[in-house]
Amino acid sequence: MKIVHVASELFPYLKTGGLADAVASLAGTLADNGHEVSVFLPGYRTALEHKDAAQAERKLRLKIEMGDQFLSGDVRVFSPRKNLNVYLVCREEFFDRRNPYGNGERDYEDNADRFIFFCKGVVETLRLADLQADVVHSHDWQGALLPLLVRDAERKHGVTLAVKTVFTIHNIAYQGLFPRSVFARTNLPEDLNHMDGLEYYEQTNLLKGGILFGDRVTTVSPRYAKEIQTPEFGNGLEGVVQTREHDIVGLLNGVDMAVWNPATDALLPARYSMANLAGKQICRGELLKHCGFAANFKGPVFGVVCRFVEQKGLDLLLANQDFFLAQDCRLVVLGAGEKRYEDTVRALAAQAPAKVFLSAKLDEGMSHLIEAGSDFFVMPSRFEPCGLNQMYSQVYGTIPIVSRVGGLIDTVTDADEFPEAGTGLMCAPTAESLGDALHRAMKLHADKARMSAVQRRGMARDFSWKVAAAGYERLYQESL
């Protein structure tokens, strides 16, 4: 099949979270399976500066209609592996920025124009380069206009750009919600500017377009596919999702074992496997030393890697700060995002520098070291469409402590509830329930035989993209 993916992030060129890992791994696995795969990404500065893009060929000059004006841009393409091409849709005014969506305090004011231009650039490239896609698969609100724009361009030009479109919701909390006046820049038919189209309470909702008009709609775990049809998790779009209940399917993301594998991970000070965990102890010692703690500390190490946003339950973690101050344990936190969370975690680390460490930045190497060197990985998300870190943790023999929501339910089994099958500890997304799980972790850590059994069960699970991509291949084939 000829498969086109469209996303605002792609590892290793631009990453703020799991979207980049998921799209890169899915596209790479499909390419390895013999499909012709193209991935479209905005031409961010970091992407253009990446070594893979050094030989990028300027493929096209673009002239994109945006409302009553035309904006120029260009498309560059390179091939990082067999059967995989990466297309960068470039316009310096929009994408020559280090950060993709905002400055950390607020979103960029021109985000609507930036990603409408990006989507239109993709469609124009599909037409001019005659890619003849079987499937165009777009992701999240930044790519949500693709199903509409593809069909509109086909109607205008009398061509077929894609046999089928697929749209994936990675996180329904982020919807691409803009003033209603933004609709004019899409140049779509005016009959789509109402409640059965992109209009949403007198605003323009880009995510809504992908949900309503993709031939197939997916999300990133079976549980989340059900959750987003409820008021609790649908963020106001549950009724829209319900209209597609027969077309929506939840497919779990996977782990890219070329990147996240403790037996081969070049970012670790030592490698290890389920058969020999000696390297994990070396990683643990190096993590402790890096944080300024004693390398021979015997108590449990709790790791956290996340974006500092409300979704990730940092307030629930901080509500349990007395636990980390009172217990014989260590807490290592890596992340960046909203200043209020960073300031609070920084204050805790300053209050107890012998127990709590914060690295307030995006650091791929440090994230690998935390996954390998921690005993427990704490992930108290208020909602979690799929989650990857709980899977990374199990692969790395680190026991996840997670909320009973979304993909966390689909990928973790509570070791107290199911003693013979458990791979982690689960709690409700409340401060009290998380506190109980942390105390249960202390007990588990004290029982070395049981701790080892839980670790090894997690490491034995197959979260690889070989399994995950097969579900997408079936979906594509069934749709064609």
Protein backbone atom coordinates (compact mmCIF):
# COMPACT_ATOMS: atom_id res chain seq x y z
CA MET A 1 0.00 0.00 0.00
CA LYS A 2 0.93 3.64 -0.46
CA ILE A 3 0.38 5.23 2.93
CA VAL A 4 0.71 8.92 3.82
CA HIS A 5 0.94 10.09 7.44
CA VAL A 6 0.42 13.73 8.41
CA ALA A 7 1.44 14.90 11.88
CA SER A 8 2.81 17.92 13.73
CA GLU A 9 5.53 15.86 15.45
CA LEU A 10 7.87 13.10 14.35
CA PHE A 11 10.75 11.60 16.34
CA PRO A 12 13.66 12.38 16.09
CA TYR A 13 12.97 15.64 14.26
CA LEU A 14 10.50 17.27 16.65
CA LYS A 15 9.10 15.78 19.86
CA THR A 16 7.11 17.17 22.77
CA GLY A 17 5.34 13.93 23.73
CA GLY A 18 4.09 10.52 22.69
CA LEU A 19 2.65 11.66 19.35
CA ALA A 20 6.16 11.97 17.88
CA ASP A 21 7.14 8.48 19.03
CA ALA A 22 3.88 6.90 17.89
CA VAL A 23 3.88 8.34 14.37
CA ALA A 24 7.59 7.62 13.84
CA SER A 25 7.29 4.04 15.05
CA LEU A 26 4.12 3.27 13.10
CA ALA A 27 5.48 4.79 9.89
CA GLY A 28 8.83 3.02 10.28
CA THR A 29 7.23 -0.36 10.96
CA LEU A 30 4.90 -0.01 7.97
CA ALA A 31 7.92 0.85 5.80
CA ASP A 32 9.82 -2.16 7.12
CA ASN A 33 6.78 -4.29 6.24
CA GLY A 34 7.15 -3.26 2.60
CA HIS A 35 4.62 -0.46 2.29
CA GLU A 36 5.52 2.83 0.55
CA VAL A 37 5.25 5.35 3.37
CA SER A 38 5.42 9.14 3.30
CA VAL A 39 5.26 11.32 6.40
CA PHE A 40 4.50 15.04 6.27
CA LEU A 41 5.85 17.30 9.01
CA PRO A 42 6.01 21.10 9.32
CA GLY A 43 9.44 22.44 8.40
CA TYR A 44 10.47 23.34 11.93
CA ARG A 45 13.95 24.71 12.52
CA THR A 46 14.92 21.63 14.54
CA ALA A 47 13.79 19.33 11.72
CA LEU A 48 15.71 21.26 9.07
CA GLU A 49 18.82 21.25 11.25
CA HIS A 50 18.70 17.49 11.83
CA LYS A 51 21.47 15.55 10.10
CA ASP A 52 18.93 13.47 8.15
CA ALA A 53 17.63 16.63 6.49
CA ALA A 54 21.06 17.82 5.38
CA GLN A 55 20.55 16.34 1.92
CA ALA A 56 16.86 17.20 1.70
CA GLU A 57 15.76 17.97 -1.85
CA ARG A 58 13.53 20.96 -2.54
CA LYS A 59 10.66 19.17 -4.20
CA LEU A 60 8.10 21.90 -4.84
CA ARG A 61 7.37 25.58 -4.53
CA LEU A 62 3.96 26.14 -3.00
CA LYS A 63 1.40 28.87 -3.52
CA ILE A 64 -1.33 28.27 -0.95
CA GLU A 65 -4.71 29.99 -0.92
CA MET A 66 -5.51 31.29 2.57
CA GLY A 67 -8.81 33.11 2.51
CA ASP A 68 -8.43 36.07 0.13
CA GLN A 69 -4.65 35.87 -0.18
CA PHE A 70 -1.97 33.45 -1.38
CA LEU A 71 1.04 32.49 0.76
CA SER A 72 4.22 30.92 -0.57
CA GLY A 73 6.23 28.04 0.83
CA ASP A 74 8.23 25.06 -0.28
CA VAL A 75 8.42 21.33 0.28
CA ARG A 76 11.64 19.47 0.99
CA VAL A 77 11.96 15.70 1.06
CA PHE A 78 14.50 13.20 2.34
CA SER A 79 14.53 9.44 2.89
CA PRO A 80 15.84 8.29 6.31
CA ARG A 81 15.26 4.58 5.56
CA LYS A 82 14.05 2.25 2.85
CA ASN A 83 10.41 2.77 1.78
CA LEU A 84 10.10 5.93 3.93
CA ASN A 85 10.11 9.55 2.72
CA VAL A 86 9.77 12.54 5.04
CA TYR A 87 8.27 15.70 3.54
CA LEU A 88 8.84 19.04 5.28
CA VAL A 89 6.25 21.73 4.50
CA CYS A 90 8.24 24.94 4.96
CA ARG A 91 7.43 28.59 5.44
CA GLU A 92 9.86 30.47 7.67
CA GLU A 93 7.21 32.87 9.00
CA PHE A 94 5.25 29.92 10.41
CA PHE A 95 7.75 27.22 11.30
CA ASP A 96 11.17 28.77 11.91
CA ARG A 97 10.64 28.44 15.67
CA ARG A 98 12.24 26.18 18.25
CA ASN A 99 8.93 25.36 19.93
CA PRO A 100 6.08 23.98 17.84
CA TYR A 101 2.93 25.34 19.51
CA GLY A 102 3.77 28.16 21.91
CA ASN A 103 6.34 29.81 24.12
CA GLY A 104 5.56 27.82 27.28
CA GLU A 105 3.23 30.46 28.67
CA ARG A 106 0.68 30.63 25.88
CA ASP A 107 -0.03 29.27 22.40
CA TYR A 108 1.18 31.19 19.35
CA GLU A 109 -1.50 33.58 18.16
CA ASP A 110 -1.13 32.41 14.54
CA ASN A 111 -1.51 28.65 15.22
CA ALA A 112 -4.67 28.48 13.12
CA ASP A 113 -2.92 29.93 10.07
CA ARG A 114 0.20 27.82 10.66
CA PHE A 115 -1.58 24.48 10.63
CA ILE A 116 -4.19 25.36 8.01
CA PHE A 117 -1.24 26.25 5.77
CA PHE A 118 0.48 22.99 6.70
CA CYS A 119 -2.58 20.88 5.84
CA LYS A 120 -3.11 22.73 2.57
CA GLY A 121 0.57 22.27 1.75
CA VAL A 122 0.18 18.52 2.23
CA VAL A 123 -2.82 18.36 -0.09
CA GLU A 124 -1.10 20.46 -2.75
CA THR A 125 1.92 18.16 -2.59
CA LEU A 126 -0.30 15.09 -2.92
CA ARG A 127 -1.72 16.67 -6.09
CA LEU A 128 1.40 18.11 -7.70
CA ALA A 129 3.72 15.19 -6.85
CA ASP A 130 0.98 12.70 -7.80
CA LEU A 131 1.64 10.47 -4.79
CA GLN A 132 -1.47 8.35 -5.52
CA ALA A 133 -2.07 7.42 -1.89
CA ASP A 134 -4.16 4.46 -0.91
CA VAL A 135 -4.52 5.88 2.60
CA VAL A 136 -3.98 9.39 3.96
CA HIS A 137 -3.73 9.07 7.74
CA SER A 138 -3.67 12.34 9.70
CA HIS A 139 -3.20 12.89 13.41
CA ASP A 140 -4.73 15.22 16.02
CA TRP A 141 -6.13 18.71 15.49
CA GLN A 142 -3.08 19.93 13.57
CA GLY A 143 -3.85 17.41 10.80
CA ALA A 144 -7.62 17.23 11.23
CA LEU A 145 -8.48 19.23 8.10
CA LEU A 146 -6.91 16.63 5.81
CA PRO A 147 -10.05 14.49 5.24
CA LEU A 148 -11.99 17.61 4.23
CA LEU A 149 -9.25 19.28 2.22
CA VAL A 150 -8.42 16.08 0.31
CA ARG A 151 -11.99 15.61 -0.87
CA ASP A 152 -12.42 19.32 -1.62
CA ALA A 153 -9.26 19.32 -3.79
CA GLU A 154 -10.41 16.16 -5.57
CA ARG A 155 -13.72 17.85 -6.40
CA LYS A 156 -12.03 21.05 -7.60
CA HIS A 157 -9.35 19.36 -9.73
CA GLY A 158 -11.12 16.18 -10.87
CA VAL A 159 -8.44 13.88 -9.46
CA THR A 160 -8.14 11.15 -6.82
CA LEU A 161 -5.63 11.98 -4.09
CA ALA A 162 -6.48 9.21 -1.63
CA VAL A 163 -8.67 6.15 -1.80
CA LYS A 164 -9.46 6.44 1.92
CA THR A 165 -8.71 8.84 4.78
CA VAL A 166 -8.04 7.84 8.38
CA PHE A 167 -7.99 10.28 11.29
CA THR A 168 -6.51 9.50 14.72
CA ILE A 169 -7.41 11.28 17.95
CA HIS A 170 -4.35 11.12 20.19
CA ASN A 171 -5.80 13.50 22.78
CA ILE A 172 -9.32 14.94 22.53
CA ALA A 173 -8.48 17.63 25.09
CA TYR A 174 -6.57 19.53 22.39
CA GLN A 175 -9.07 20.49 19.70
CA GLY A 176 -7.71 23.36 17.62
CA LEU A 177 -10.42 25.73 18.80
CA PHE A 178 -10.28 29.19 17.17
CA PRO A 179 -12.53 32.17 16.43
CA ARG A 180 -15.20 31.47 13.87
CA SER A 181 -13.55 33.94 11.47
CA VAL A 182 -10.72 31.41 11.03
CA PHE A 183 -13.01 29.28 8.84
CA ALA A 184 -12.55 31.70 5.93
CA ARG A 185 -8.87 30.74 5.71
CA THR A 186 -9.78 27.11 4.98
CA ASN A 187 -11.53 28.13 1.71
CA LEU A 188 -13.87 25.19 2.28
CA PRO A 189 -17.52 25.39 1.18
CA GLU A 190 -19.58 27.66 3.42
CA ASP A 191 -22.03 24.84 4.20
CA LEU A 192 -19.31 23.35 6.42
CA ASN A 193 -19.37 26.48 8.60
CA HIS A 194 -22.24 25.27 10.78
CA MET A 195 -22.97 22.80 13.57
CA ASP A 196 -22.80 19.79 11.24
CA GLY A 197 -19.37 20.96 10.08
CA LEU A 198 -16.54 22.81 11.82
CA GLU A 199 -18.65 25.26 13.81
CA TYR A 200 -18.65 24.71 17.57
CA TYR A 201 -20.47 27.18 19.82
CA GLU A 202 -19.74 30.09 17.48
CA GLN A 203 -16.11 29.00 17.09
CA THR A 204 -14.17 26.89 14.57
CA ASN A 205 -13.14 23.45 15.88
CA LEU A 206 -10.59 21.76 13.64
CA LEU A 207 -10.56 18.44 15.52
CA LYS A 208 -14.30 18.14 14.95
CA GLY A 209 -13.68 18.15 11.20
CA GLY A 210 -11.38 15.13 11.38
CA ILE A 211 -13.84 13.21 13.56
CA LEU A 212 -16.82 13.92 11.32
CA PHE A 213 -15.23 13.52 7.91
CA GLY A 214 -12.45 10.92 8.15
CA ASP A 215 -13.49 7.70 6.40
CA ARG A 216 -12.29 5.88 9.51
CA VAL A 217 -11.55 7.34 12.93
CA THR A 218 -9.16 5.77 15.40
CA THR A 219 -7.87 6.53 18.83
CA VAL A 220 -4.92 5.13 20.67
CA SER A 221 -6.44 2.57 23.04
CA PRO A 222 -9.66 0.53 23.20
CA ARG A 223 -10.57 2.04 26.58
CA TYR A 224 -10.11 5.62 25.38
CA ALA A 225 -12.34 4.96 22.35
CA LYS A 226 -15.16 4.27 24.82
CA GLU A 227 -14.22 7.02 27.29
CA ILE A 228 -14.38 9.86 24.75
CA GLN A 229 -18.02 9.02 24.08
CA THR A 230 -18.83 10.10 27.67
CA PRO A 231 -19.12 13.61 29.19
CA GLU A 232 -16.35 12.80 31.68
CA PHE A 233 -13.69 12.34 29.00
CA GLY A 234 -15.18 13.74 25.77
CA ASN A 235 -14.29 17.38 26.45
CA GLY A 236 -17.54 18.55 24.91
CA LEU A 237 -17.17 16.46 21.74
CA GLU A 238 -18.67 13.24 23.11
CA GLY A 239 -21.82 13.75 21.03
CA VAL A 240 -19.73 14.22 17.87
CA VAL A 241 -17.74 11.06 18.60
CA GLN A 242 -20.96 9.14 19.24
CA THR A 243 -22.07 9.86 15.68
CA ARG A 244 -19.05 7.81 14.52
CA GLU A 245 -19.34 4.98 17.06
CA HIS A 246 -19.51 2.34 14.30
CA ASP A 247 -16.45 3.78 12.51
CA ILE A 248 -14.18 4.45 15.49
CA VAL A 249 -11.69 1.88 16.71
CA GLY A 250 -9.16 1.95 19.55
CA LEU A 251 -5.71 0.64 18.56
CA LEU A 252 -2.95 0.63 21.15
CA ASN A 253 0.32 2.34 20.39
CA GLY A 254 3.46 0.27 20.76
CA VAL A 255 7.09 0.56 21.79
CA ASP A 256 9.80 1.16 19.21
CA MET A 257 12.19 -1.59 20.27
CA ALA A 258 14.97 -0.04 18.20
CA VAL A 259 14.84 2.96 20.55
CA TRP A 260 13.37 1.60 23.80
CA ASN A 261 15.12 -1.68 24.54
CA PRO A 262 17.34 -2.04 27.64
CA ALA A 263 19.37 -4.76 25.93
CA THR A 264 20.53 -2.40 23.15
CA ASP A 265 19.89 1.14 24.47
CA ALA A 266 22.99 3.20 23.65
CA LEU A 267 21.80 6.03 25.92
CA LEU A 268 22.27 3.86 29.03
CA PRO A 269 25.51 3.44 31.00
CA ALA A 270 24.88 -0.33 30.97
CA ARG A 271 22.60 -2.68 29.05
CA TYR A 272 20.52 -5.46 30.57
CA SER A 273 17.74 -7.96 29.90
CA MET A 274 15.22 -10.07 31.76
CA ALA A 275 17.81 -12.86 31.88
CA ASN A 276 20.42 -10.61 33.50
CA LEU A 277 19.34 -7.51 35.41
CA ALA A 278 22.83 -6.57 36.62
CA GLY A 279 22.94 -3.63 34.22
CA LYS A 280 19.79 -2.18 35.73
CA GLN A 281 21.58 -1.79 39.07
CA ILE A 282 24.39 0.08 37.31
CA CYS A 283 21.82 2.39 35.70
CA ARG A 284 20.21 2.90 39.10
CA GLY A 285 23.53 3.93 40.62
CA GLU A 286 24.29 6.31 37.75
CA LEU A 287 20.84 7.91 38.03
CA LEU A 288 21.31 8.46 41.77
CA LYS A 289 24.76 9.96 41.23
CA HIS A 290 23.49 12.22 38.45
CA CYS A 291 20.86 13.58 40.86
CA GLY A 292 23.38 14.14 43.63
CA PHE A 293 22.22 11.20 45.73
CA ALA A 294 24.34 8.39 47.15
CA ALA A 295 24.80 5.74 44.45
CA ASN A 296 24.39 2.91 47.00
CA PHE A 297 21.02 4.13 48.32
CA LYS A 298 18.90 1.07 49.17
CA GLY A 299 15.36 2.47 49.31
CA PRO A 300 13.02 2.76 46.33
CA VAL A 301 13.59 5.31 43.58
CA PHE A 302 10.44 6.84 42.09
CA GLY A 303 10.76 8.32 38.60
CA VAL A 304 8.52 10.78 36.76
CA VAL A 305 8.84 11.86 33.11
CA CYS A 306 6.04 13.99 31.70
CA ARG A 307 4.88 17.25 30.22
CA PHE A 308 3.96 19.66 33.01
CA VAL A 309 0.25 19.96 32.24
CA GLU A 310 -2.88 19.28 34.27
CA GLN A 311 -3.57 16.02 32.45
CA LYS A 312 -0.50 14.34 33.93
CA GLY A 313 -1.71 14.58 37.54
CA LEU A 314 1.28 16.50 38.89
CA ASP A 315 -1.02 18.11 41.45
CA LEU A 316 -1.87 14.62 42.73
CA LEU A 317 1.82 13.83 43.03
CA LEU A 318 2.51 17.10 44.83
CA ALA A 319 -0.41 16.51 47.19
CA ASN A 320 1.63 13.51 48.39
CA GLN A 321 4.86 15.43 48.94
CA ASP A 322 4.77 14.53 52.66
CA PHE A 323 5.16 10.89 51.60
CA PHE A 324 8.38 11.63 49.75
CA LEU A 325 9.68 13.76 52.64
CA ALA A 326 8.87 11.18 55.31
CA GLN A 327 9.68 7.88 53.60
CA ASP A 328 13.14 6.48 52.92
CA CYS A 329 12.91 6.97 49.16
CA ARG A 330 14.02 9.24 46.33
CA LEU A 331 11.96 11.13 43.74
CA VAL A 332 13.40 12.09 40.34
CA VAL A 333 11.28 14.33 38.07
CA LEU A 334 12.00 15.23 34.44
CA GLY A 335 9.73 17.51 32.46
CA ALA A 336 8.80 20.93 31.17
CA GLY A 337 5.62 22.83 30.52
CA GLU A 338 3.40 25.04 32.63
CA LYS A 339 5.35 27.32 34.94
CA ARG A 340 3.04 26.76 37.94
CA TYR A 341 3.94 23.07 38.05
CA GLU A 342 7.62 23.67 37.44
CA ASP A 343 7.76 26.25 40.23
CA THR A 344 6.05 23.92 42.72
CA VAL A 345 8.25 20.92 41.92
CA ARG A 346 11.33 23.16 42.02
CA ALA A 347 10.32 24.43 45.45
CA LEU A 348 9.95 20.85 46.70
CA ALA A 349 13.37 19.93 45.32
CA ALA A 350 14.87 23.01 47.01
CA GLN A 351 13.18 22.07 50.29
CA ALA A 352 14.50 18.51 50.21
CA PRO A 353 17.55 18.35 47.91
CA ALA A 354 18.66 15.09 49.54
CA LYS A 355 15.42 13.41 48.48
CA VAL A 356 13.93 15.17 45.44
CA PHE A 357 15.57 16.07 42.10
CA LEU A 358 14.09 18.10 39.24
CA SER A 359 15.39 18.44 35.68
CA ALA A 360 13.05 20.97 34.09
CA LYS A 361 13.71 20.38 30.42
CA LEU A 362 13.14 17.95 27.58
CA ASP A 363 16.06 15.51 27.72
CA GLU A 364 15.83 12.25 25.78
CA GLY A 365 18.94 10.73 27.39
CA MET A 366 17.73 11.54 30.90
CA SER A 367 14.30 10.06 30.16
CA HIS A 368 15.96 6.76 29.23
CA LEU A 369 18.11 6.83 32.37
CA ILE A 370 15.05 7.44 34.58
CA GLU A 371 13.17 4.57 32.97
CA ALA A 372 16.13 2.25 33.49
CA GLY A 373 17.35 3.47 36.87
CA SER A 374 14.07 3.88 38.75
CA ASP A 375 12.35 1.14 40.73
CA PHE A 376 8.90 2.64 40.18
CA PHE A 377 7.57 4.98 37.49
CA VAL A 378 4.78 7.29 38.74
CA MET A 379 2.11 8.23 36.20
CA PRO A 380 -1.03 9.50 38.00
CA SER A 381 -2.75 10.89 34.88
CA ARG A 382 -6.23 12.34 35.18
CA PHE A 383 -6.82 10.92 31.71
CA GLU A 384 -4.47 9.08 29.36
CA PRO A 385 -5.47 8.22 25.78
CA CYS A 386 -2.76 5.55 25.54
CA GLY A 387 0.42 6.48 27.33
CA LEU A 388 3.83 5.18 26.39
CA ASN A 389 5.89 5.57 29.54
CA GLN A 390 3.97 2.86 31.37
CA MET A 391 4.92 0.50 28.53
CA TYR A 392 8.54 1.71 28.44
CA SER A 393 8.65 1.11 32.20
CA GLN A 394 7.56 -2.50 31.94
CA VAL A 395 10.03 -3.15 29.12
CA TYR A 396 12.79 -1.68 31.35
CA GLY A 397 11.83 -3.66 34.47
CA THR A 398 10.51 -0.56 36.21
CA ILE A 399 7.15 -1.02 37.91
CA PRO A 400 4.54 1.54 36.80
CA ILE A 401 2.20 3.23 39.28
CA VAL A 402 -0.70 4.45 37.14
CA SER A 403 -4.25 5.76 37.27
CA ARG A 404 -7.17 3.58 36.22
CA VAL A 405 -7.90 5.54 33.05
CA GLY A 406 -7.64 5.09 29.28
CA GLY A 407 -4.74 3.14 27.85
CA LEU A 408 -3.24 2.64 31.31
CA ILE A 409 -6.08 0.20 32.04
CA ASP A 410 -5.36 -1.59 28.76
CA THR A 411 -1.64 -2.03 29.44
CA VAL A 412 -1.08 -2.45 33.21
CA THR A 413 -2.34 -5.17 35.59
CA ASP A 414 -2.42 -4.43 39.32
CA ALA A 415 -0.04 -6.70 41.24
CA ASP A 416 -2.09 -6.64 44.45
CA GLU A 417 -5.38 -7.34 42.72
CA PHE A 418 -3.89 -10.07 40.50
CA PRO A 419 -0.85 -11.48 42.36
CA GLU A 420 -0.01 -14.04 39.67
CA ALA A 421 -0.31 -11.69 36.70
CA GLY A 422 0.35 -8.18 37.99
CA THR A 423 2.88 -5.92 36.28
CA GLY A 424 2.23 -2.64 38.13
CA LEU A 425 0.17 -0.79 40.71
CA MET A 426 -3.06 1.03 39.85
CA CYS A 427 -5.04 3.74 41.60
CA ALA A 428 -7.92 6.10 41.03
CA PRO A 429 -6.86 9.55 39.76
CA THR A 430 -7.10 11.10 43.24
CA ALA A 431 -4.45 12.21 45.72
CA GLU A 432 -5.67 9.77 48.37
CA SER A 433 -5.65 6.76 46.04
CA LEU A 434 -2.20 7.67 44.70
CA GLY A 435 -0.95 7.92 48.28
CA ASP A 436 -2.23 4.41 48.96
CA ALA A 437 -0.45 3.13 45.84
CA LEU A 438 2.82 4.75 46.94
CA HIS A 439 2.60 3.02 50.32
CA ARG A 440 1.87 -0.27 48.53
CA ALA A 441 5.00 0.34 46.46
CA MET A 442 7.07 0.61 49.63
CA LYS A 443 5.76 -2.78 50.77
CA LEU A 444 6.41 -4.32 47.37
CA HIS A 445 9.97 -2.99 47.31
CA ALA A 446 10.62 -4.57 50.71
CA ASP A 447 9.60 -8.00 49.34
CA LYS A 448 12.49 -8.64 46.94
CA ALA A 449 11.18 -11.94 45.54
CA ARG A 450 7.77 -10.48 44.77
CA MET A 451 9.30 -7.28 43.39
CA SER A 452 11.47 -9.33 41.02
CA ALA A 453 8.49 -11.39 39.87
CA VAL A 454 6.46 -8.27 39.03
CA GLN A 455 9.43 -6.77 37.16
CA ARG A 456 9.99 -9.87 35.09
CA ARG A 457 6.33 -10.24 34.16
CA GLY A 458 6.39 -6.71 32.82
CA MET A 459 9.56 -7.34 30.84
CA ALA A 460 8.03 -10.47 29.32
CA ARG A 461 5.15 -8.55 27.71
CA ASP A 462 5.28 -7.80 23.99
CA PHE A 463 4.49 -4.11 23.43
CA SER A 464 6.38 -3.94 20.13
CA TRP A 465 5.11 -2.02 17.12
CA LYS A 466 5.20 -5.28 15.18
CA VAL A 467 2.04 -6.16 17.12
CA ALA A 468 0.61 -2.63 17.13
CA ALA A 469 1.14 -1.93 13.41
CA ALA A 470 -0.68 -5.11 12.41
CA GLY A 471 -3.91 -3.56 13.70
CA TYR A 472 -3.43 -0.53 11.46
CA GLU A 473 -2.63 -2.70 8.45
CA ARG A 474 -5.89 -4.60 8.99
CA LEU A 475 -7.80 -1.32 9.32
CA TYR A 476 -6.32 0.05 6.08
CA GLN A 477 -7.02 -3.14 4.17
CA GLU A 478 -10.58 -3.38 5.44
CA SER A 479 -11.19 0.27 4.48
CA LEU A 480 -9.94 0.01 0.89
